[in-house]
N, C-alpha and C. Protein backbone atom coordinates (compact mmCIF):
# COMPACT_ATOMS: atom_id res chain seq x y z
N MET A 1 13.69 -68.18 33.55
CA MET A 1 14.59 -67.44 34.43
C MET A 1 16.05 -67.56 33.98
N GLY A 2 16.35 -68.59 33.17
CA GLY A 2 17.72 -68.78 32.71
C GLY A 2 18.26 -67.61 31.93
N PRO A 3 17.49 -67.06 30.96
CA PRO A 3 18.02 -65.93 30.20
C PRO A 3 18.29 -64.69 31.06
N LEU A 4 17.43 -64.45 32.03
CA LEU A 4 17.66 -63.32 32.93
C LEU A 4 18.92 -63.53 33.75
N GLY A 5 19.09 -64.74 34.27
CA GLY A 5 20.30 -65.07 35.02
C GLY A 5 21.54 -64.94 34.16
N ALA A 6 21.43 -65.39 32.90
CA ALA A 6 22.57 -65.29 31.99
C ALA A 6 22.92 -63.83 31.73
N LEU A 7 21.91 -62.98 31.55
CA LEU A 7 22.16 -61.56 31.32
C LEU A 7 22.83 -60.91 32.53
N LEU A 8 22.31 -61.19 33.70
CA LEU A 8 22.92 -60.62 34.91
C LEU A 8 24.34 -61.15 35.12
N GLY A 9 24.53 -62.44 34.85
CA GLY A 9 25.87 -63.01 34.97
C GLY A 9 26.83 -62.44 33.95
N LEU A 10 26.33 -62.20 32.74
CA LEU A 10 27.15 -61.60 31.70
C LEU A 10 27.61 -60.21 32.10
N ILE A 11 26.70 -59.43 32.64
CA ILE A 11 27.05 -58.08 33.09
C ILE A 11 28.04 -58.14 34.25
N ALA A 12 27.80 -59.04 35.20
CA ALA A 12 28.73 -59.18 36.32
C ALA A 12 30.09 -59.70 35.84
N GLY A 13 30.09 -60.56 34.82
CA GLY A 13 31.33 -61.11 34.30
C GLY A 13 32.23 -60.09 33.64
N ILE A 14 31.65 -58.99 33.21
CA ILE A 14 32.46 -57.93 32.60
C ILE A 14 33.49 -57.40 33.59
N PHE A 15 33.16 -57.45 34.86
CA PHE A 15 34.05 -56.89 35.88
C PHE A 15 35.06 -57.90 36.41
N LEU A 16 35.03 -59.13 35.92
CA LEU A 16 36.04 -60.11 36.31
C LEU A 16 37.36 -59.75 35.66
N PRO A 17 38.48 -60.11 36.29
CA PRO A 17 39.77 -59.70 35.75
C PRO A 17 40.17 -60.40 34.44
N VAL A 18 39.47 -61.47 34.07
CA VAL A 18 39.78 -62.18 32.83
C VAL A 18 38.94 -61.55 31.71
N PRO A 19 39.56 -60.86 30.74
CA PRO A 19 38.80 -60.05 29.80
C PRO A 19 37.79 -60.81 28.94
N ILE A 20 38.19 -61.88 28.28
CA ILE A 20 37.28 -62.55 27.36
C ILE A 20 36.45 -63.61 28.07
N ALA A 21 37.08 -64.37 28.95
CA ALA A 21 36.39 -65.47 29.61
C ALA A 21 35.44 -64.99 30.70
N GLY A 22 35.65 -63.82 31.23
CA GLY A 22 34.81 -63.31 32.31
C GLY A 22 33.33 -63.26 31.98
N PRO A 23 32.95 -62.62 30.88
CA PRO A 23 31.54 -62.60 30.52
C PRO A 23 30.97 -63.99 30.21
N LEU A 24 31.78 -64.86 29.63
CA LEU A 24 31.30 -66.21 29.34
C LEU A 24 31.06 -67.00 30.61
N VAL A 25 32.01 -66.90 31.53
CA VAL A 25 31.84 -67.59 32.81
C VAL A 25 30.66 -67.00 33.58
N GLY A 26 30.52 -65.69 33.52
CA GLY A 26 29.39 -65.03 34.20
C GLY A 26 28.05 -65.46 33.61
N ALA A 27 27.97 -65.52 32.29
CA ALA A 27 26.73 -65.94 31.64
C ALA A 27 26.40 -67.39 31.99
N PHE A 28 27.40 -68.24 31.97
CA PHE A 28 27.19 -69.65 32.30
C PHE A 28 26.72 -69.79 33.74
N GLY A 29 27.46 -69.18 34.65
CA GLY A 29 27.11 -69.28 36.07
C GLY A 29 25.77 -68.67 36.38
N GLY A 30 25.46 -67.54 35.77
CA GLY A 30 24.18 -66.89 36.01
C GLY A 30 23.01 -67.72 35.53
N ALA A 31 23.15 -68.32 34.35
CA ALA A 31 22.07 -69.15 33.82
C ALA A 31 21.87 -70.41 34.66
N VAL A 32 22.96 -71.05 35.04
CA VAL A 32 22.86 -72.27 35.85
C VAL A 32 22.25 -71.94 37.21
N LEU A 33 22.72 -70.88 37.83
CA LEU A 33 22.21 -70.51 39.15
C LEU A 33 20.73 -70.11 39.09
N ALA A 34 20.37 -69.34 38.07
CA ALA A 34 18.97 -68.92 37.95
C ALA A 34 18.06 -70.11 37.70
N GLU A 35 18.47 -71.02 36.84
CA GLU A 35 17.65 -72.21 36.58
C GLU A 35 17.51 -73.06 37.83
N HIS A 36 18.58 -73.18 38.57
CA HIS A 36 18.53 -73.99 39.79
C HIS A 36 17.66 -73.34 40.87
N LEU A 37 17.83 -72.06 41.07
CA LEU A 37 17.09 -71.39 42.14
C LEU A 37 15.63 -71.14 41.78
N ALA A 38 15.38 -70.74 40.55
CA ALA A 38 14.02 -70.35 40.18
C ALA A 38 13.12 -71.55 39.86
N THR A 39 13.68 -72.54 39.18
CA THR A 39 12.84 -73.65 38.75
C THR A 39 13.15 -74.95 39.47
N GLY A 40 14.21 -74.98 40.23
CA GLY A 40 14.57 -76.19 40.95
C GLY A 40 15.25 -77.24 40.10
N LYS A 41 15.61 -76.88 38.87
CA LYS A 41 16.30 -77.83 38.00
C LYS A 41 17.68 -78.12 38.56
N LYS A 42 18.09 -79.36 38.43
CA LYS A 42 19.40 -79.74 38.96
C LYS A 42 20.21 -80.44 37.88
N GLY A 43 21.49 -80.53 38.11
CA GLY A 43 22.38 -81.31 37.27
C GLY A 43 22.36 -80.92 35.82
N LYS A 44 22.10 -81.92 34.97
CA LYS A 44 22.20 -81.73 33.52
C LYS A 44 21.24 -80.67 33.00
N GLU A 45 20.06 -80.58 33.56
CA GLU A 45 19.09 -79.59 33.07
C GLU A 45 19.59 -78.17 33.30
N ALA A 46 20.14 -77.91 34.47
CA ALA A 46 20.66 -76.57 34.74
C ALA A 46 21.91 -76.30 33.91
N LEU A 47 22.73 -77.31 33.71
CA LEU A 47 23.94 -77.13 32.91
C LEU A 47 23.61 -76.87 31.44
N ARG A 48 22.51 -77.45 30.97
CA ARG A 48 22.10 -77.18 29.58
C ARG A 48 21.76 -75.70 29.40
N ALA A 49 21.14 -75.11 30.39
CA ALA A 49 20.82 -73.68 30.31
C ALA A 49 22.10 -72.85 30.25
N GLY A 50 23.08 -73.22 31.06
CA GLY A 50 24.36 -72.51 31.05
C GLY A 50 25.10 -72.67 29.74
N THR A 51 25.09 -73.88 29.22
CA THR A 51 25.74 -74.14 27.94
C THR A 51 25.07 -73.35 26.82
N GLY A 52 23.76 -73.31 26.85
CA GLY A 52 23.03 -72.55 25.85
C GLY A 52 23.34 -71.06 25.93
N ALA A 53 23.51 -70.56 27.13
CA ALA A 53 23.85 -69.14 27.30
C ALA A 53 25.23 -68.84 26.71
N VAL A 54 26.19 -69.73 26.95
CA VAL A 54 27.54 -69.51 26.41
C VAL A 54 27.55 -69.62 24.89
N VAL A 55 26.89 -70.64 24.36
CA VAL A 55 26.85 -70.81 22.90
C VAL A 55 26.15 -69.61 22.25
N GLY A 56 25.05 -69.17 22.84
CA GLY A 56 24.34 -68.01 22.31
C GLY A 56 25.19 -66.74 22.35
N THR A 57 25.93 -66.56 23.41
CA THR A 57 26.80 -65.40 23.53
C THR A 57 27.90 -65.43 22.47
N ILE A 58 28.51 -66.60 22.29
CA ILE A 58 29.59 -66.72 21.30
C ILE A 58 29.05 -66.51 19.89
N LEU A 59 27.93 -67.14 19.55
CA LEU A 59 27.37 -67.00 18.20
C LEU A 59 26.91 -65.57 17.94
N GLY A 60 26.33 -64.93 18.95
CA GLY A 60 25.91 -63.53 18.80
C GLY A 60 27.08 -62.61 18.57
N THR A 61 28.17 -62.84 19.28
CA THR A 61 29.37 -62.03 19.11
C THR A 61 29.97 -62.25 17.73
N MET A 62 29.98 -63.49 17.26
CA MET A 62 30.50 -63.78 15.92
C MET A 62 29.64 -63.10 14.86
N ALA A 63 28.33 -63.12 15.03
CA ALA A 63 27.44 -62.46 14.07
C ALA A 63 27.70 -60.95 14.03
N GLU A 64 27.86 -60.35 15.20
CA GLU A 64 28.15 -58.91 15.25
C GLU A 64 29.47 -58.60 14.54
N PHE A 65 30.47 -59.44 14.74
CA PHE A 65 31.77 -59.23 14.11
C PHE A 65 31.67 -59.33 12.59
N ILE A 66 30.94 -60.32 12.10
CA ILE A 66 30.78 -60.49 10.65
C ILE A 66 30.03 -59.30 10.06
N ILE A 67 28.99 -58.84 10.74
CA ILE A 67 28.24 -57.68 10.25
C ILE A 67 29.13 -56.44 10.23
N ALA A 68 29.97 -56.28 11.24
CA ALA A 68 30.89 -55.14 11.27
C ALA A 68 31.87 -55.20 10.11
N LEU A 69 32.37 -56.41 9.78
CA LEU A 69 33.28 -56.55 8.65
C LEU A 69 32.59 -56.20 7.33
N VAL A 70 31.36 -56.64 7.17
CA VAL A 70 30.60 -56.32 5.95
C VAL A 70 30.39 -54.82 5.85
N MET A 71 30.03 -54.19 6.95
CA MET A 71 29.82 -52.74 6.93
C MET A 71 31.11 -52.00 6.58
N ALA A 72 32.24 -52.45 7.16
CA ALA A 72 33.51 -51.82 6.86
C ALA A 72 33.88 -52.00 5.39
N ALA A 73 33.61 -53.18 4.84
CA ALA A 73 33.91 -53.43 3.43
C ALA A 73 33.06 -52.52 2.54
N ILE A 74 31.81 -52.35 2.89
CA ILE A 74 30.92 -51.47 2.10
C ILE A 74 31.44 -50.04 2.13
N ILE A 75 31.86 -49.58 3.29
CA ILE A 75 32.39 -48.20 3.40
C ILE A 75 33.66 -48.05 2.59
N VAL A 76 34.57 -49.02 2.69
CA VAL A 76 35.82 -48.93 1.94
C VAL A 76 35.54 -48.94 0.44
N LEU A 77 34.66 -49.81 0.00
CA LEU A 77 34.32 -49.84 -1.43
C LEU A 77 33.66 -48.54 -1.88
N ALA A 78 32.84 -47.95 -1.03
CA ALA A 78 32.19 -46.69 -1.38
C ALA A 78 33.21 -45.56 -1.47
N LEU A 79 34.22 -45.60 -0.62
CA LEU A 79 35.24 -44.55 -0.67
C LEU A 79 36.18 -44.70 -1.85
N LEU A 80 36.39 -45.94 -2.29
CA LEU A 80 37.30 -46.18 -3.40
C LEU A 80 36.66 -45.95 -4.77
N THR A 81 35.34 -45.93 -4.83
CA THR A 81 34.70 -45.76 -6.14
C THR A 81 34.18 -44.36 -6.31
């Protein structure tokens, strides 16, 4: 249930007034809340789910950014040759 909570929290976090931190806070809160409510996990176990959601979101965003840079470099090189 943690990933579903993280996804819903991430979507809800988009509407928070803090542009970058909003989705991260939403993903963390959603994962922690879903783990706590659905499985009854408390404390460190629920926080691990939230931490994993934030780390996964950050790493996924970094991977997308790197792929976009590679694609842009390929296009620029193709146009220059």
